[in-house]
Amino acid sequence: MLRSVILATFGITMLAGCAVTPPSAPVIQRENNQFETTGVGKTRAIALQAAMASANKTCGRNQTIVVKDEVKYNGMVDEKTGRLIEQVSGAIGVLTGMKNPQIARDDDYEVTVTFYCR
């Protein structure tokens, strides 16, 4: 039962996280017609979405070709522990009806994407 509650809470959290529209990240032009942008977010997916939105905006109607991407985690605790704490506190919040504390910050993840337009 508890496992089902934890999985359901995690699924709702993931869906809610994907619905967030990330802010536009600045784009830097590098040599050889390459660009670089860094997206930040509470989750890796949100940070990647922010970086790719900026890359796609830069390329416009041209195709965005990713050369390299790097993920950096800046959370207060290590990544696995942070996810476990979020899941457990979410499950406890569901069971008790109390608002669960959030330890994730909007800048926990940084995804840097190097790309060019074709």
N, C-alpha and C. Protein backbone atom coordinates (compact mmCIF):
# COMPACT_ATOMS: atom_id res chain seq x y z
N MET A 1 0.82 -1.19 0.00
CA MET A 1 0.00 0.00 0.00
C MET A 1 0.87 1.26 0.00
N LEU A 2 1.84 1.30 0.91
CA LEU A 2 2.71 2.47 1.00
C LEU A 2 3.51 2.64 -0.30
N ARG A 3 3.93 1.52 -0.87
CA ARG A 3 4.67 1.59 -2.13
C ARG A 3 3.80 2.19 -3.24
N SER A 4 2.51 1.82 -3.28
CA SER A 4 1.60 2.38 -4.27
C SER A 4 1.42 3.88 -4.09
N VAL A 5 1.32 4.31 -2.84
CA VAL A 5 1.17 5.75 -2.55
C VAL A 5 2.42 6.50 -2.98
N ILE A 6 3.59 5.94 -2.69
CA ILE A 6 4.84 6.58 -3.07
C ILE A 6 4.96 6.68 -4.58
N LEU A 7 4.64 5.59 -5.29
CA LEU A 7 4.71 5.60 -6.75
C LEU A 7 3.70 6.57 -7.35
N ALA A 8 2.50 6.63 -6.80
CA ALA A 8 1.49 7.55 -7.31
C ALA A 8 1.92 8.99 -7.08
N THR A 9 2.45 9.27 -5.91
CA THR A 9 2.92 10.62 -5.60
C THR A 9 4.06 11.01 -6.52
N PHE A 10 4.98 10.08 -6.75
CA PHE A 10 6.10 10.36 -7.64
C PHE A 10 5.61 10.63 -9.06
N GLY A 11 4.63 9.86 -9.52
CA GLY A 11 4.07 10.06 -10.86
C GLY A 11 3.41 11.41 -11.01
N ILE A 12 2.67 11.84 -9.99
CA ILE A 12 2.01 13.15 -10.02
C ILE A 12 3.06 14.25 -10.01
N THR A 13 4.11 14.07 -9.21
CA THR A 13 5.18 15.05 -9.16
C THR A 13 5.86 15.17 -10.51
N MET A 14 6.12 14.06 -11.17
CA MET A 14 6.76 14.09 -12.48
C MET A 14 5.88 14.79 -13.51
N LEU A 15 4.57 14.52 -13.48
CA LEU A 15 3.66 15.17 -14.41
C LEU A 15 3.60 16.66 -14.16
N ALA A 16 3.54 17.05 -12.90
CA ALA A 16 3.49 18.47 -12.57
C ALA A 16 4.77 19.16 -13.00
N GLY A 17 5.90 18.49 -12.83
CA GLY A 17 7.17 19.07 -13.22
C GLY A 17 7.28 19.29 -14.72
N CYS A 18 6.70 18.42 -15.50
CA CYS A 18 6.77 18.53 -16.96
C CYS A 18 5.87 19.65 -17.48
N ALA A 19 4.88 20.06 -16.70
CA ALA A 19 3.95 21.07 -17.15
C ALA A 19 4.51 22.48 -17.00
N VAL A 20 5.62 22.62 -16.30
CA VAL A 20 6.21 23.93 -16.06
C VAL A 20 6.90 24.41 -17.32
N THR A 21 6.66 25.66 -17.72
CA THR A 21 7.35 26.23 -18.85
C THR A 21 8.63 26.89 -18.35
N PRO A 22 9.77 26.39 -18.79
CA PRO A 22 11.03 26.93 -18.28
C PRO A 22 11.31 28.31 -18.87
N PRO A 23 12.02 29.14 -18.11
CA PRO A 23 12.40 30.45 -18.65
C PRO A 23 13.44 30.27 -19.75
N SER A 24 13.54 31.25 -20.62
CA SER A 24 14.51 31.19 -21.71
C SER A 24 15.92 31.39 -21.16
N ALA A 25 16.83 30.54 -21.60
CA ALA A 25 18.22 30.61 -21.15
C ALA A 25 19.04 31.41 -22.17
N PRO A 26 20.03 32.17 -21.72
CA PRO A 26 20.87 32.92 -22.66
C PRO A 26 21.70 31.97 -23.54
N VAL A 27 22.00 32.42 -24.75
CA VAL A 27 22.77 31.62 -25.70
C VAL A 27 24.06 32.37 -26.03
N ILE A 28 25.17 31.64 -26.00
CA ILE A 28 26.48 32.21 -26.30
C ILE A 28 26.97 31.61 -27.60
N GLN A 29 27.43 32.45 -28.53
CA GLN A 29 27.99 31.92 -29.76
C GLN A 29 29.46 31.58 -29.55
N ARG A 30 29.85 30.38 -29.97
CA ARG A 30 31.23 29.91 -29.88
C ARG A 30 31.82 29.86 -31.29
N GLU A 31 33.06 29.42 -31.40
CA GLU A 31 33.69 29.32 -32.72
C GLU A 31 33.06 28.21 -33.55
N ASN A 32 33.33 28.23 -34.85
CA ASN A 32 32.84 27.22 -35.80
C ASN A 32 31.32 27.14 -35.85
N ASN A 33 30.66 28.28 -35.72
CA ASN A 33 29.19 28.36 -35.80
C ASN A 33 28.48 27.50 -34.76
N GLN A 34 29.12 27.29 -33.63
CA GLN A 34 28.48 26.55 -32.55
C GLN A 34 27.98 27.53 -31.49
N PHE A 35 26.97 27.09 -30.77
CA PHE A 35 26.37 27.88 -29.71
C PHE A 35 26.36 27.06 -28.43
N GLU A 36 26.19 27.75 -27.30
CA GLU A 36 26.11 27.08 -26.01
C GLU A 36 25.04 27.78 -25.16
N THR A 37 24.25 26.98 -24.49
CA THR A 37 23.23 27.52 -23.58
C THR A 37 23.13 26.61 -22.37
N THR A 38 22.73 27.18 -21.24
CA THR A 38 22.58 26.41 -20.01
C THR A 38 21.18 26.64 -19.45
N GLY A 39 20.43 25.57 -19.30
CA GLY A 39 19.11 25.63 -18.69
C GLY A 39 19.20 25.16 -17.25
N VAL A 40 18.42 25.76 -16.37
CA VAL A 40 18.37 25.35 -14.97
C VAL A 40 16.96 24.94 -14.61
N GLY A 41 16.84 24.08 -13.59
CA GLY A 41 15.52 23.65 -13.17
C GLY A 41 15.56 22.77 -11.94
N LYS A 42 14.37 22.51 -11.41
CA LYS A 42 14.21 21.65 -10.25
C LYS A 42 14.56 20.21 -10.56
N THR A 43 14.33 19.82 -11.80
CA THR A 43 14.62 18.46 -12.24
C THR A 43 15.51 18.52 -13.47
N ARG A 44 16.12 17.39 -13.78
CA ARG A 44 16.96 17.29 -14.97
C ARG A 44 16.12 17.56 -16.23
N ALA A 45 14.90 17.06 -16.25
CA ALA A 45 14.03 17.23 -17.41
C ALA A 45 13.68 18.70 -17.65
N ILE A 46 13.39 19.43 -16.58
CA ILE A 46 13.05 20.85 -16.71
C ILE A 46 14.26 21.64 -17.19
N ALA A 47 15.44 21.34 -16.65
CA ALA A 47 16.66 22.03 -17.06
C ALA A 47 16.97 21.75 -18.53
N LEU A 48 16.82 20.50 -18.95
CA LEU A 48 17.05 20.15 -20.35
C LEU A 48 16.03 20.83 -21.25
N GLN A 49 14.79 20.88 -20.81
CA GLN A 49 13.73 21.54 -21.58
C GLN A 49 14.05 23.01 -21.77
N ALA A 50 14.56 23.67 -20.72
CA ALA A 50 14.91 25.09 -20.81
C ALA A 50 16.06 25.31 -21.80
N ALA A 51 17.08 24.46 -21.71
CA ALA A 51 18.22 24.60 -22.61
C ALA A 51 17.81 24.35 -24.06
N MET A 52 17.02 23.32 -24.29
CA MET A 52 16.60 23.00 -25.66
C MET A 52 15.63 24.04 -26.23
N ALA A 53 14.81 24.64 -25.38
CA ALA A 53 13.91 25.70 -25.84
C ALA A 53 14.72 26.88 -26.37
N SER A 54 15.78 27.23 -25.65
CA SER A 54 16.64 28.33 -26.09
C SER A 54 17.40 27.95 -27.37
N ALA A 55 17.87 26.72 -27.44
CA ALA A 55 18.59 26.26 -28.63
C ALA A 55 17.66 26.28 -29.84
N ASN A 56 16.46 25.76 -29.69
CA ASN A 56 15.50 25.73 -30.80
C ASN A 56 15.08 27.13 -31.22
N LYS A 57 14.96 28.04 -30.25
CA LYS A 57 14.61 29.43 -30.56
C LYS A 57 15.74 30.08 -31.35
N THR A 58 16.98 29.78 -30.99
CA THR A 58 18.13 30.33 -31.69
C THR A 58 18.17 29.84 -33.14
N CYS A 59 17.89 28.57 -33.34
CA CYS A 59 17.95 28.00 -34.69
C CYS A 59 16.72 28.35 -35.53
N GLY A 60 15.65 28.74 -34.88
CA GLY A 60 14.45 29.11 -35.63
C GLY A 60 13.92 27.95 -36.44
N ARG A 61 13.80 28.15 -37.75
CA ARG A 61 13.27 27.10 -38.63
C ARG A 61 14.31 26.05 -39.00
N ASN A 62 15.56 26.32 -38.69
CA ASN A 62 16.63 25.35 -38.97
C ASN A 62 16.61 24.25 -37.92
N GLN A 63 17.24 23.15 -38.26
CA GLN A 63 17.31 22.01 -37.34
C GLN A 63 18.40 22.25 -36.30
N THR A 64 18.09 21.94 -35.04
CA THR A 64 19.06 22.05 -33.95
C THR A 64 19.82 20.74 -33.83
N ILE A 65 21.14 20.81 -33.96
CA ILE A 65 21.98 19.62 -33.85
C ILE A 65 22.81 19.75 -32.57
N VAL A 66 22.58 18.87 -31.61
CA VAL A 66 23.29 18.91 -30.34
C VAL A 66 24.63 18.19 -30.50
N VAL A 67 25.70 18.90 -30.17
CA VAL A 67 27.05 18.36 -30.25
C VAL A 67 27.43 17.70 -28.93
N LYS A 68 27.05 18.36 -27.83
CA LYS A 68 27.44 17.87 -26.51
C LYS A 68 26.44 18.42 -25.48
N ASP A 69 26.15 17.62 -24.46
CA ASP A 69 25.35 18.11 -23.35
C ASP A 69 25.96 17.60 -22.04
N GLU A 70 25.92 18.46 -21.04
CA GLU A 70 26.47 18.12 -19.72
C GLU A 70 25.45 18.46 -18.66
N VAL A 71 25.32 17.58 -17.67
CA VAL A 71 24.39 17.80 -16.56
C VAL A 71 25.19 18.01 -15.29
N LYS A 72 24.83 19.03 -14.55
CA LYS A 72 25.47 19.31 -13.27
C LYS A 72 24.37 19.40 -12.21
N TYR A 73 24.55 18.69 -11.10
CA TYR A 73 23.58 18.71 -10.01
C TYR A 73 24.12 19.59 -8.89
N ASN A 74 23.32 20.57 -8.46
CA ASN A 74 23.73 21.54 -7.44
C ASN A 74 22.91 21.43 -6.15
N GLY A 75 22.24 20.32 -5.93
CA GLY A 75 21.33 20.18 -4.79
C GLY A 75 22.03 20.21 -3.44
N MET A 76 21.22 20.41 -2.39
CA MET A 76 21.74 20.48 -1.02
C MET A 76 22.30 19.14 -0.56
N VAL A 77 21.66 18.05 -0.96
CA VAL A 77 22.12 16.70 -0.64
C VAL A 77 22.38 16.00 -1.96
N ASP A 78 23.01 14.83 -1.93
CA ASP A 78 23.27 14.16 -3.20
C ASP A 78 21.95 13.79 -3.89
N GLU A 79 22.03 13.58 -5.18
CA GLU A 79 20.85 13.42 -6.03
C GLU A 79 19.92 12.29 -5.58
N LYS A 80 20.46 11.12 -5.31
CA LYS A 80 19.62 9.98 -4.92
C LYS A 80 18.94 10.22 -3.58
N THR A 81 19.67 10.76 -2.62
CA THR A 81 19.09 11.05 -1.31
C THR A 81 17.99 12.09 -1.44
N GLY A 82 18.22 13.11 -2.24
CA GLY A 82 17.21 14.16 -2.45
C GLY A 82 15.92 13.60 -3.03
N ARG A 83 16.04 12.72 -4.02
CA ARG A 83 14.84 12.12 -4.61
C ARG A 83 14.09 11.26 -3.60
N LEU A 84 14.83 10.50 -2.81
CA LEU A 84 14.22 9.65 -1.79
C LEU A 84 13.48 10.50 -0.76
N ILE A 85 14.09 11.58 -0.31
CA ILE A 85 13.45 12.46 0.68
C ILE A 85 12.17 13.06 0.10
N GLU A 86 12.22 13.53 -1.17
CA GLU A 86 11.03 14.10 -1.82
C GLU A 86 9.91 13.07 -1.91
N GLN A 87 10.23 11.84 -2.27
CA GLN A 87 9.21 10.80 -2.41
C GLN A 87 8.59 10.45 -1.07
N VAL A 88 9.41 10.27 -0.06
CA VAL A 88 8.90 9.90 1.26
C VAL A 88 8.08 11.03 1.85
N SER A 89 8.56 12.27 1.74
CA SER A 89 7.79 13.39 2.30
C SER A 89 6.48 13.59 1.54
N GLY A 90 6.49 13.32 0.24
CA GLY A 90 5.25 13.40 -0.54
C GLY A 90 4.25 12.35 -0.10
N ALA A 91 4.72 11.13 0.15
CA ALA A 91 3.84 10.06 0.60
C ALA A 91 3.28 10.37 1.98
N ILE A 92 4.11 10.89 2.86
CA ILE A 92 3.64 11.25 4.20
C ILE A 92 2.61 12.38 4.10
N GLY A 93 2.87 13.33 3.22
CA GLY A 93 1.92 14.43 3.02
C GLY A 93 0.57 13.93 2.53
N VAL A 94 0.57 12.96 1.63
CA VAL A 94 -0.68 12.39 1.11
C VAL A 94 -1.43 11.67 2.23
N LEU A 95 -0.71 10.91 3.03
CA LEU A 95 -1.34 10.14 4.11
C LEU A 95 -1.85 11.02 5.24
N THR A 96 -1.13 12.09 5.57
CA THR A 96 -1.53 12.93 6.70
C THR A 96 -2.34 14.15 6.29
N GLY A 97 -2.33 14.47 5.01
CA GLY A 97 -3.04 15.65 4.54
C GLY A 97 -2.26 16.93 4.76
N MET A 98 -1.04 16.81 5.22
CA MET A 98 -0.21 18.00 5.45
C MET A 98 0.60 18.31 4.20
N LYS A 99 0.93 19.58 4.04
CA LYS A 99 1.77 19.98 2.92
C LYS A 99 3.18 19.46 3.16
N ASN A 100 3.72 18.82 2.12
CA ASN A 100 5.06 18.26 2.29
C ASN A 100 6.12 19.31 2.00
N PRO A 101 7.20 19.31 2.77
CA PRO A 101 8.28 20.26 2.54
C PRO A 101 9.03 19.92 1.25
N GLN A 102 9.42 20.94 0.53
CA GLN A 102 10.16 20.75 -0.72
C GLN A 102 11.62 21.11 -0.48
N ILE A 103 12.53 20.18 -0.76
CA ILE A 103 13.94 20.52 -0.64
C ILE A 103 14.53 20.88 -2.00
N ALA A 104 13.81 20.55 -3.07
CA ALA A 104 14.31 20.86 -4.41
C ALA A 104 14.20 22.36 -4.66
N ARG A 105 15.25 22.91 -5.29
CA ARG A 105 15.26 24.33 -5.64
C ARG A 105 15.17 24.45 -7.15
N ASP A 106 14.83 25.63 -7.63
CA ASP A 106 14.68 25.86 -9.06
C ASP A 106 16.00 25.80 -9.82
N ASP A 107 17.12 25.76 -9.11
CA ASP A 107 18.41 25.69 -9.78
C ASP A 107 19.22 24.45 -9.39
N ASP A 108 18.53 23.40 -8.98
CA ASP A 108 19.22 22.17 -8.58
C ASP A 108 19.99 21.53 -9.75
N TYR A 109 19.45 21.64 -10.94
CA TYR A 109 20.09 21.03 -12.11
C TYR A 109 20.49 22.11 -13.11
N GLU A 110 21.65 21.93 -13.70
CA GLU A 110 22.12 22.77 -14.81
C GLU A 110 22.43 21.83 -15.97
N VAL A 111 21.83 22.10 -17.11
CA VAL A 111 22.13 21.32 -18.31
C VAL A 111 22.72 22.28 -19.34
N THR A 112 23.97 22.05 -19.70
CA THR A 112 24.64 22.88 -20.69
C THR A 112 24.65 22.12 -22.01
N VAL A 113 24.14 22.76 -23.05
CA VAL A 113 24.03 22.14 -24.37
C VAL A 113 24.87 22.95 -25.37
N THR A 114 25.74 22.26 -26.09
CA THR A 114 26.50 22.85 -27.18
C THR A 114 25.84 22.35 -28.47
N PHE A 115 25.55 23.27 -29.39
CA PHE A 115 24.78 22.91 -30.57
C PHE A 115 25.13 23.80 -31.76
N TYR A 116 24.65 23.40 -32.91
CA TYR A 116 24.71 24.26 -34.10
C TYR A 116 23.40 24.09 -34.86
N CYS A 117 23.17 25.00 -35.78
CA CYS A 117 21.93 24.99 -36.57
C CYS A 117 22.23 24.54 -37.99
N ARG A 118 21.36 23.69 -38.53
CA ARG A 118 21.55 23.22 -39.90
C ARG A 118 20.27 23.40 -40.67
